[in-house]
Amino acid sequence: MENGPTGREWGEMSREVQEIRHDLRNMKLLVDHQYELLRELEAKYGSMNAKIYTAISVAALFAGILGFAVNVYVSI
């Protein structure tokens, strides 16, 4: 009649728990690294969007100025 695990079974279970903890630590490191990469990409994306909107605004401003200048030139 067995009351619980044997010493060998306890040893196997302890090793398994240690391996699981090690794997969990590795996965946490990977997730943390991926999170850092995601933050960097979000920052770059935001910066790129700002540059694109600025370029579009400047192009629209120059188009308006050019249109005004052509209109004034044609009116003369």
N, C-alpha and C. Protein backbone atom coordinates (compact mmCIF):
# COMPACT_ATOMS: atom_id res chain seq x y z
N MET A 1 0.83 -1.17 0.00
CA MET A 1 0.00 0.00 0.00
C MET A 1 0.89 1.25 0.00
N GLU A 2 0.71 2.10 -0.98
CA GLU A 2 1.53 3.30 -1.12
C GLU A 2 0.80 4.49 -0.53
N ASN A 3 1.54 5.31 0.19
CA ASN A 3 0.96 6.52 0.78
C ASN A 3 1.29 7.76 -0.03
N GLY A 4 2.20 7.68 -0.92
CA GLY A 4 2.59 8.83 -1.71
C GLY A 4 3.73 8.47 -2.64
N PRO A 5 4.27 9.49 -3.30
CA PRO A 5 5.35 9.22 -4.24
C PRO A 5 6.62 8.78 -3.52
N THR A 6 7.40 8.01 -4.24
CA THR A 6 8.68 7.56 -3.71
C THR A 6 9.71 8.68 -3.85
N GLY A 7 10.85 8.48 -3.26
CA GLY A 7 11.92 9.48 -3.36
C GLY A 7 12.31 9.74 -4.80
N ARG A 8 12.36 8.71 -5.60
CA ARG A 8 12.72 8.86 -7.01
C ARG A 8 11.66 9.67 -7.74
N GLU A 9 10.38 9.37 -7.44
CA GLU A 9 9.28 10.12 -8.09
C GLU A 9 9.31 11.59 -7.67
N TRP A 10 9.63 11.86 -6.40
CA TRP A 10 9.76 13.24 -5.95
C TRP A 10 10.89 13.94 -6.70
N GLY A 11 11.97 13.25 -6.89
CA GLY A 11 13.10 13.82 -7.62
C GLY A 11 12.73 14.14 -9.06
N GLU A 12 12.02 13.25 -9.70
CA GLU A 12 11.58 13.48 -11.09
C GLU A 12 10.64 14.68 -11.16
N MET A 13 9.71 14.74 -10.19
CA MET A 13 8.77 15.86 -10.18
C MET A 13 9.48 17.18 -9.91
N SER A 14 10.47 17.16 -9.04
CA SER A 14 11.23 18.38 -8.73
C SER A 14 11.99 18.85 -9.96
N ARG A 15 12.62 17.93 -10.68
CA ARG A 15 13.33 18.30 -11.92
C ARG A 15 12.35 18.86 -12.95
N GLU A 16 11.19 18.25 -13.04
CA GLU A 16 10.18 18.73 -14.00
C GLU A 16 9.74 20.15 -13.64
N VAL A 17 9.53 20.40 -12.36
CA VAL A 17 9.14 21.75 -11.92
C VAL A 17 10.26 22.74 -12.24
N GLN A 18 11.52 22.36 -12.01
CA GLN A 18 12.64 23.24 -12.33
C GLN A 18 12.70 23.54 -13.82
N GLU A 19 12.46 22.53 -14.65
CA GLU A 19 12.45 22.74 -16.11
C GLU A 19 11.32 23.67 -16.51
N ILE A 20 10.17 23.49 -15.91
CA ILE A 20 9.02 24.35 -16.23
C ILE A 20 9.33 25.79 -15.83
N ARG A 21 9.92 25.97 -14.65
CA ARG A 21 10.29 27.33 -14.22
C ARG A 21 11.30 27.94 -15.17
N HIS A 22 12.26 27.16 -15.60
CA HIS A 22 13.28 27.65 -16.54
C HIS A 22 12.61 28.05 -17.87
N ASP A 23 11.74 27.20 -18.37
CA ASP A 23 11.03 27.51 -19.62
C ASP A 23 10.18 28.76 -19.47
N LEU A 24 9.53 28.90 -18.32
CA LEU A 24 8.71 30.08 -18.07
C LEU A 24 9.56 31.35 -18.05
N ARG A 25 10.73 31.27 -17.40
CA ARG A 25 11.64 32.41 -17.39
C ARG A 25 12.08 32.79 -18.80
N ASN A 26 12.40 31.78 -19.61
CA ASN A 26 12.80 32.05 -21.00
C ASN A 26 11.66 32.69 -21.79
N MET A 27 10.45 32.19 -21.60
CA MET A 27 9.31 32.76 -22.30
C MET A 27 9.06 34.20 -21.87
N LYS A 28 9.24 34.48 -20.58
CA LYS A 28 9.06 35.85 -20.09
C LYS A 28 10.08 36.78 -20.73
N LEU A 29 11.33 36.32 -20.84
CA LEU A 29 12.36 37.13 -21.49
C LEU A 29 12.00 37.41 -22.95
N LEU A 30 11.50 36.38 -23.64
CA LEU A 30 11.11 36.57 -25.03
C LEU A 30 9.95 37.56 -25.16
N VAL A 31 8.96 37.44 -24.29
CA VAL A 31 7.81 38.35 -24.34
C VAL A 31 8.25 39.78 -24.03
N ASP A 32 9.12 39.94 -23.04
CA ASP A 32 9.62 41.28 -22.71
C ASP A 32 10.38 41.88 -23.89
N HIS A 33 11.18 41.08 -24.55
CA HIS A 33 11.93 41.57 -25.71
C HIS A 33 10.98 41.96 -26.85
N GLN A 34 9.99 41.13 -27.10
CA GLN A 34 9.03 41.44 -28.15
C GLN A 34 8.26 42.72 -27.82
N TYR A 35 7.95 42.92 -26.54
CA TYR A 35 7.24 44.13 -26.11
C TYR A 35 8.10 45.37 -26.37
N GLU A 36 9.40 45.28 -26.08
CA GLU A 36 10.31 46.39 -26.36
C GLU A 36 10.36 46.69 -27.86
N LEU A 37 10.45 45.64 -28.67
CA LEU A 37 10.46 45.85 -30.12
C LEU A 37 9.17 46.50 -30.60
N LEU A 38 8.05 46.08 -30.04
CA LEU A 38 6.76 46.66 -30.41
C LEU A 38 6.72 48.14 -30.07
N ARG A 39 7.21 48.52 -28.90
CA ARG A 39 7.24 49.94 -28.51
C ARG A 39 8.11 50.74 -29.47
N GLU A 40 9.26 50.18 -29.85
CA GLU A 40 10.13 50.88 -30.80
C GLU A 40 9.43 51.07 -32.14
N LEU A 41 8.75 50.03 -32.62
CA LEU A 41 8.04 50.13 -33.89
C LEU A 41 6.91 51.14 -33.82
N GLU A 42 6.20 51.18 -32.70
CA GLU A 42 5.13 52.16 -32.54
C GLU A 42 5.68 53.57 -32.58
N ALA A 43 6.83 53.79 -31.95
CA ALA A 43 7.45 55.12 -31.96
C ALA A 43 7.87 55.51 -33.38
N LYS A 44 8.47 54.56 -34.10
CA LYS A 44 8.89 54.84 -35.47
C LYS A 44 7.68 55.10 -36.36
N TYR A 45 6.61 54.35 -36.15
CA TYR A 45 5.39 54.53 -36.95
C TYR A 45 4.79 55.92 -36.70
N GLY A 46 4.75 56.31 -35.44
CA GLY A 46 4.22 57.64 -35.11
C GLY A 46 5.06 58.74 -35.73
N SER A 47 6.37 58.58 -35.68
CA SER A 47 7.27 59.56 -36.26
C SER A 47 7.09 59.63 -37.78
N MET A 48 6.96 58.46 -38.40
CA MET A 48 6.78 58.41 -39.85
C MET A 48 5.46 59.07 -40.25
N ASN A 49 4.40 58.81 -39.50
CA ASN A 49 3.11 59.43 -39.80
C ASN A 49 3.20 60.94 -39.70
N ALA A 50 3.88 61.45 -38.68
CA ALA A 50 4.03 62.89 -38.52
C ALA A 50 4.78 63.48 -39.71
N LYS A 51 5.81 62.80 -40.17
CA LYS A 51 6.58 63.30 -41.32
C LYS A 51 5.72 63.29 -42.59
N ILE A 52 4.94 62.25 -42.76
CA ILE A 52 4.09 62.16 -43.96
C ILE A 52 3.04 63.26 -43.95
N TYR A 53 2.38 63.45 -42.80
CA TYR A 53 1.36 64.51 -42.73
C TYR A 53 1.98 65.89 -42.91
N THR A 54 3.18 66.09 -42.39
CA THR A 54 3.86 67.36 -42.58
C THR A 54 4.19 67.58 -44.05
N ALA A 55 4.69 66.56 -44.72
CA ALA A 55 5.02 66.69 -46.15
C ALA A 55 3.76 66.98 -46.96
N ILE A 56 2.66 66.32 -46.66
CA ILE A 56 1.41 66.56 -47.39
C ILE A 56 0.93 67.98 -47.15
N SER A 57 1.04 68.45 -45.90
CA SER A 57 0.61 69.82 -45.59
C SER A 57 1.46 70.85 -46.31
N VAL A 58 2.76 70.63 -46.34
CA VAL A 58 3.66 71.56 -47.03
C VAL A 58 3.36 71.55 -48.53
N ALA A 59 3.13 70.38 -49.11
CA ALA A 59 2.81 70.30 -50.54
C ALA A 59 1.50 71.02 -50.84
N ALA A 60 0.51 70.86 -49.96
CA ALA A 60 -0.78 71.55 -50.16
C ALA A 60 -0.60 73.06 -50.04
N LEU A 61 0.24 73.50 -49.11
CA LEU A 61 0.50 74.92 -48.95
C LEU A 61 1.16 75.49 -50.20
N PHE A 62 2.19 74.81 -50.70
CA PHE A 62 2.86 75.27 -51.92
C PHE A 62 1.92 75.25 -53.12
N ALA A 63 1.05 74.24 -53.20
CA ALA A 63 0.08 74.20 -54.30
C ALA A 63 -0.86 75.39 -54.22
N GLY A 64 -1.28 75.74 -53.01
CA GLY A 64 -2.15 76.92 -52.83
C GLY A 64 -1.44 78.20 -53.22
N ILE A 65 -0.19 78.33 -52.79
CA ILE A 65 0.59 79.53 -53.14
C ILE A 65 0.80 79.60 -54.63
N LEU A 66 1.12 78.47 -55.27
CA LEU A 66 1.33 78.43 -56.71
C LEU A 66 0.03 78.78 -57.44
N GLY A 67 -1.08 78.22 -56.96
CA GLY A 67 -2.37 78.54 -57.58
C GLY A 67 -2.70 80.02 -57.46
N PHE A 68 -2.41 80.60 -56.30
CA PHE A 68 -2.65 82.03 -56.11
C PHE A 68 -1.77 82.85 -57.05
N ALA A 69 -0.50 82.46 -57.16
CA ALA A 69 0.43 83.19 -58.02
C ALA A 69 0.00 83.09 -59.49
N VAL A 70 -0.45 81.92 -59.91
CA VAL A 70 -0.93 81.76 -61.30
C VAL A 70 -2.17 82.60 -61.51
N ASN A 71 -3.06 82.63 -60.54
CA ASN A 71 -4.28 83.41 -60.65
C ASN A 71 -3.96 84.91 -60.74
N VAL A 72 -3.01 85.38 -59.95
CA VAL A 72 -2.61 86.78 -60.00
C VAL A 72 -1.95 87.09 -61.33
N TYR A 73 -1.09 86.18 -61.82
CA TYR A 73 -0.39 86.39 -63.09
C TYR A 73 -1.39 86.44 -64.26
N VAL A 74 -2.38 85.56 -64.24
CA VAL A 74 -3.38 85.51 -65.31
C VAL A 74 -4.25 86.77 -65.27
N SER A 75 -4.50 87.31 -64.07
CA SER A 75 -5.36 88.49 -63.92
C SER A 75 -4.66 89.75 -64.40
N ILE A 76 -3.36 89.75 -64.48
CA ILE A 76 -2.63 90.96 -64.87
C ILE A 76 -2.71 91.20 -66.35
